[in-house]
Amino acid sequence: MEGPLAIAIGVLFGCAVYLLLQRSRGQAIIGLALLSSAANLFIFVAAGVGNGLAPLVHAGEYLPPEGAADPVPQALVLTAIVIGFGLLAFFITLSYRVYRITGSDDLDALADEDGPQ
């Protein structure tokens, strides 16, 4: 099961890097979203894919049952999703503001306008 997921992670990372290197801010936004998804999937696969019991500690016990799933990667991915959405929202807002000021979607046009004054 990890083999196809590893290939999917590689494809997502590759597509994300390709889109982030493009000139258009719209493509960079999509690349950032793909990069966030690939990182989340990587954390899940690195933690191990399998069927485990719920990591619930019953009354009077101190440890979850043997064979329980590890809840830490799930918490990390949930936190990464929230941070990724926040970062994506900030990048979209910043991109919109730059478009309103410059009137262009091309990232190379920003370098031309920022020349020495």
C-alpha atoms as a PDB file:
ATOM      1  CA  MET A   1       0.000   0.000   0.000  1.00  0.00           C
ATOM      2  CA  GLU A   2       2.898   2.372   0.668  1.00  0.00           C
ATOM      3  CA  GLY A   3       4.290   1.995  -2.873  1.00  0.00           C
ATOM      4  CA  PRO A   4       1.402   3.620  -4.762  1.00  0.00           C
ATOM      5  CA  LEU A   5       1.114   6.281  -2.071  1.00  0.00           C
ATOM      6  CA  ALA A   6       4.827   7.066  -2.371  1.00  0.00           C
ATOM      7  CA  ILE A   7       4.406   7.478  -6.131  1.00  0.00           C
ATOM      8  CA  ALA A   8       1.399   9.749  -5.566  1.00  0.00           C
ATOM      9  CA  ILE A   9       3.397  11.849  -3.101  1.00  0.00           C
ATOM     10  CA  GLY A  10       6.250  12.166  -5.592  1.00  0.00           C
ATOM     11  CA  VAL A  11       3.883  13.227  -8.366  1.00  0.00           C
ATOM     12  CA  LEU A  12       2.197  15.777  -6.103  1.00  0.00           C
ATOM     13  CA  PHE A  13       5.535  17.238  -4.994  1.00  0.00           C
ATOM     14  CA  GLY A  14       6.775  17.346  -8.591  1.00  0.00           C
ATOM     15  CA  CYS A  15       3.641  19.071  -9.866  1.00  0.00           C
ATOM     16  CA  ALA A  16       3.736  21.509  -6.943  1.00  0.00           C
ATOM     17  CA  VAL A  17       7.346  22.494  -7.598  1.00  0.00           C
ATOM     18  CA  TYR A  18       6.650  22.864 -11.318  1.00  0.00           C
ATOM     19  CA  LEU A  19       3.679  25.133 -10.647  1.00  0.00           C
ATOM     20  CA  LEU A  20       5.554  27.186  -8.057  1.00  0.00           C
ATOM     21  CA  LEU A  21       8.262  27.917 -10.639  1.00  0.00           C
ATOM     22  CA  GLN A  22       5.786  29.340 -13.163  1.00  0.00           C
ATOM     23  CA  ARG A  23       5.330  33.055 -13.770  1.00  0.00           C
ATOM     24  CA  SER A  24       1.617  33.234 -13.045  1.00  0.00           C
ATOM     25  CA  ARG A  25       0.506  33.863  -9.484  1.00  0.00           C
ATOM     26  CA  GLY A  26      -2.574  31.705 -10.080  1.00  0.00           C
ATOM     27  CA  GLN A  27      -0.399  28.717 -10.871  1.00  0.00           C
ATOM     28  CA  ALA A  28       1.786  29.470  -7.859  1.00  0.00           C
ATOM     29  CA  ILE A  29      -1.309  29.429  -5.638  1.00  0.00           C
ATOM     30  CA  ILE A  30      -2.358  26.038  -6.995  1.00  0.00           C
ATOM     31  CA  GLY A  31       1.222  24.791  -6.531  1.00  0.00           C
ATOM     32  CA  LEU A  32       1.188  25.911  -2.903  1.00  0.00           C
ATOM     33  CA  ALA A  33      -2.074  24.027  -2.303  1.00  0.00           C
ATOM     34  CA  LEU A  34      -0.622  20.895  -3.923  1.00  0.00           C
ATOM     35  CA  LEU A  35       2.542  21.206  -1.842  1.00  0.00           C
ATOM     36  CA  SER A  36       0.491  21.385   1.338  1.00  0.00           C
ATOM     37  CA  SER A  37      -1.519  18.311   0.351  1.00  0.00           C
ATOM     38  CA  ALA A  38       1.617  16.371  -0.566  1.00  0.00           C
ATOM     39  CA  ALA A  39       3.224  17.202   2.780  1.00  0.00           C
ATOM     40  CA  ASN A  40       0.114  16.032   4.659  1.00  0.00           C
ATOM     41  CA  LEU A  41       0.016  12.782   2.713  1.00  0.00           C
ATOM     42  CA  PHE A  42       3.732  12.295   3.366  1.00  0.00           C
ATOM     43  CA  ILE A  43       3.196  12.597   7.132  1.00  0.00           C
ATOM     44  CA  PHE A  44       0.418  10.013   6.997  1.00  0.00           C
ATOM     45  CA  VAL A  45       2.474   7.530   4.980  1.00  0.00           C
ATOM     46  CA  ALA A  46       5.573   8.067   7.128  1.00  0.00           C
ATOM     47  CA  ALA A  47       3.519   7.205  10.221  1.00  0.00           C
ATOM     48  CA  GLY A  48       2.540   3.884   8.707  1.00  0.00           C
ATOM     49  CA  VAL A  49      -0.580   2.834   6.897  1.00  0.00           C
ATOM     50  CA  GLY A  50      -2.589   0.154   8.600  1.00  0.00           C
ATOM     51  CA  ASN A  51      -5.696  -0.754  10.499  1.00  0.00           C
ATOM     52  CA  GLY A  52      -5.290  -0.032  14.170  1.00  0.00           C
ATOM     53  CA  LEU A  53      -7.600   0.142  17.099  1.00  0.00           C
ATOM     54  CA  ALA A  54      -8.801   3.476  18.372  1.00  0.00           C
ATOM     55  CA  PRO A  55      -6.204   4.883  20.794  1.00  0.00           C
ATOM     56  CA  LEU A  56      -8.650   5.169  23.693  1.00  0.00           C
ATOM     57  CA  VAL A  57      -7.522   4.535  27.247  1.00  0.00           C
ATOM     58  CA  HIS A  58     -10.185   2.696  29.196  1.00  0.00           C
ATOM     59  CA  ALA A  59     -11.065   3.444  32.811  1.00  0.00           C
ATOM     60  CA  GLY A  60      -8.462   2.180  35.261  1.00  0.00           C
ATOM     61  CA  GLU A  61      -5.737   1.781  32.611  1.00  0.00           C
ATOM     62  CA  TYR A  62      -2.781   4.010  31.824  1.00  0.00           C
ATOM     63  CA  LEU A  63      -1.972   2.972  28.264  1.00  0.00           C
ATOM     64  CA  PRO A  64      -4.045   2.431  25.126  1.00  0.00           C
ATOM     65  CA  PRO A  65      -4.579  -1.175  24.036  1.00  0.00           C
ATOM     66  CA  GLU A  66      -1.842  -3.042  22.159  1.00  0.00           C
ATOM     67  CA  GLY A  67      -2.011  -2.414  18.405  1.00  0.00           C
ATOM     68  CA  ALA A  68      -3.678   0.982  18.758  1.00  0.00           C
ATOM     69  CA  ALA A  69      -3.102   3.598  16.081  1.00  0.00           C
ATOM     70  CA  ASP A  70      -0.700   6.434  16.846  1.00  0.00           C
ATOM     71  CA  PRO A  71      -2.701   9.683  17.278  1.00  0.00           C
ATOM     72  CA  VAL A  72       0.320  12.009  16.936  1.00  0.00           C
ATOM     73  CA  PRO A  73       0.556  11.938  13.090  1.00  0.00           C
ATOM     74  CA  GLN A  74      -3.170  12.624  12.882  1.00  0.00           C
ATOM     75  CA  ALA A  75      -2.779  15.647  15.147  1.00  0.00           C
ATOM     76  CA  LEU A  76       0.217  16.851  13.128  1.00  0.00           C
ATOM     77  CA  VAL A  77      -1.700  16.594   9.870  1.00  0.00           C
ATOM     78  CA  LEU A  78      -4.709  18.397  11.333  1.00  0.00           C
ATOM     79  CA  THR A  79      -2.419  21.209  12.469  1.00  0.00           C
ATOM     80  CA  ALA A  80      -0.692  21.261   9.076  1.00  0.00           C
ATOM     81  CA  ILE A  81      -4.057  21.533   7.310  1.00  0.00           C
ATOM     82  CA  VAL A  82      -5.014  24.576   9.376  1.00  0.00           C
ATOM     83  CA  ILE A  83      -1.623  26.223   8.852  1.00  0.00           C
ATOM     84  CA  GLY A  84      -1.752  25.412   5.131  1.00  0.00           C
ATOM     85  CA  PHE A  85      -5.189  27.007   4.751  1.00  0.00           C
ATOM     86  CA  GLY A  86      -4.023  30.095   6.618  1.00  0.00           C
ATOM     87  CA  LEU A  87      -0.926  30.390   4.470  1.00  0.00           C
ATOM     88  CA  LEU A  88      -2.943  29.852   1.297  1.00  0.00           C
ATOM     89  CA  ALA A  89      -5.494  32.499   2.318  1.00  0.00           C
ATOM     90  CA  PHE A  90      -2.679  34.961   3.059  1.00  0.00           C
ATOM     91  CA  PHE A  91      -1.004  34.243  -0.293  1.00  0.00           C
ATOM     92  CA  ILE A  92      -4.284  34.689  -2.172  1.00  0.00           C
ATOM     93  CA  THR A  93      -4.963  37.987  -0.391  1.00  0.00           C
ATOM     94  CA  LEU A  94      -1.426  39.219  -1.005  1.00  0.00           C
ATOM     95  CA  SER A  95      -1.608  38.170  -4.646  1.00  0.00           C
ATOM     96  CA  TYR A  96      -4.915  39.984  -5.124  1.00  0.00           C
ATOM     97  CA  ARG A  97      -3.511  43.136  -3.550  1.00  0.00           C
ATOM     98  CA  VAL A  98      -0.421  43.065  -5.777  1.00  0.00           C
ATOM     99  CA  TYR A  99      -2.658  42.520  -8.822  1.00  0.00           C
ATOM    100  CA  ARG A 100      -4.773  45.522  -7.856  1.00  0.00           C
ATOM    101  CA  ILE A 101      -1.668  47.713  -7.563  1.00  0.00           C
ATOM    102  CA  THR A 102       0.293  46.482 -10.604  1.00  0.00           C
ATOM    103  CA  GLY A 103      -2.516  45.308 -12.880  1.00  0.00           C
ATOM    104  CA  SER A 104      -0.519  42.250 -13.918  1.00  0.00           C
ATOM    105  CA  ASP A 105      -0.508  38.570 -12.988  1.00  0.00           C
ATOM    106  CA  ASP A 106       3.063  38.026 -14.201  1.00  0.00           C
ATOM    107  CA  LEU A 107       5.633  37.649 -11.427  1.00  0.00           C
ATOM    108  CA  ASP A 108       8.448  38.823 -13.713  1.00  0.00           C
ATOM    109  CA  ALA A 109       6.619  42.122 -14.188  1.00  0.00           C
ATOM    110  CA  LEU A 110       7.113  42.796 -10.475  1.00  0.00           C
ATOM    111  CA  ALA A 111      10.887  42.622 -10.871  1.00  0.00           C
ATOM    112  CA  ASP A 112      10.743  45.189 -13.693  1.00  0.00           C
ATOM    113  CA  GLU A 113       8.658  47.635 -11.643  1.00  0.00           C
ATOM    114  CA  ASP A 114      10.892  47.326  -8.580  1.00  0.00           C
ATOM    115  CA  GLY A 115      14.024  48.593 -10.333  1.00  0.00           C
ATOM    116  CA  PRO A 116      16.317  51.317  -8.994  1.00  0.00           C
ATOM    117  CA  GLN A 117      14.673  54.661  -8.501  1.00  0.00           C
END
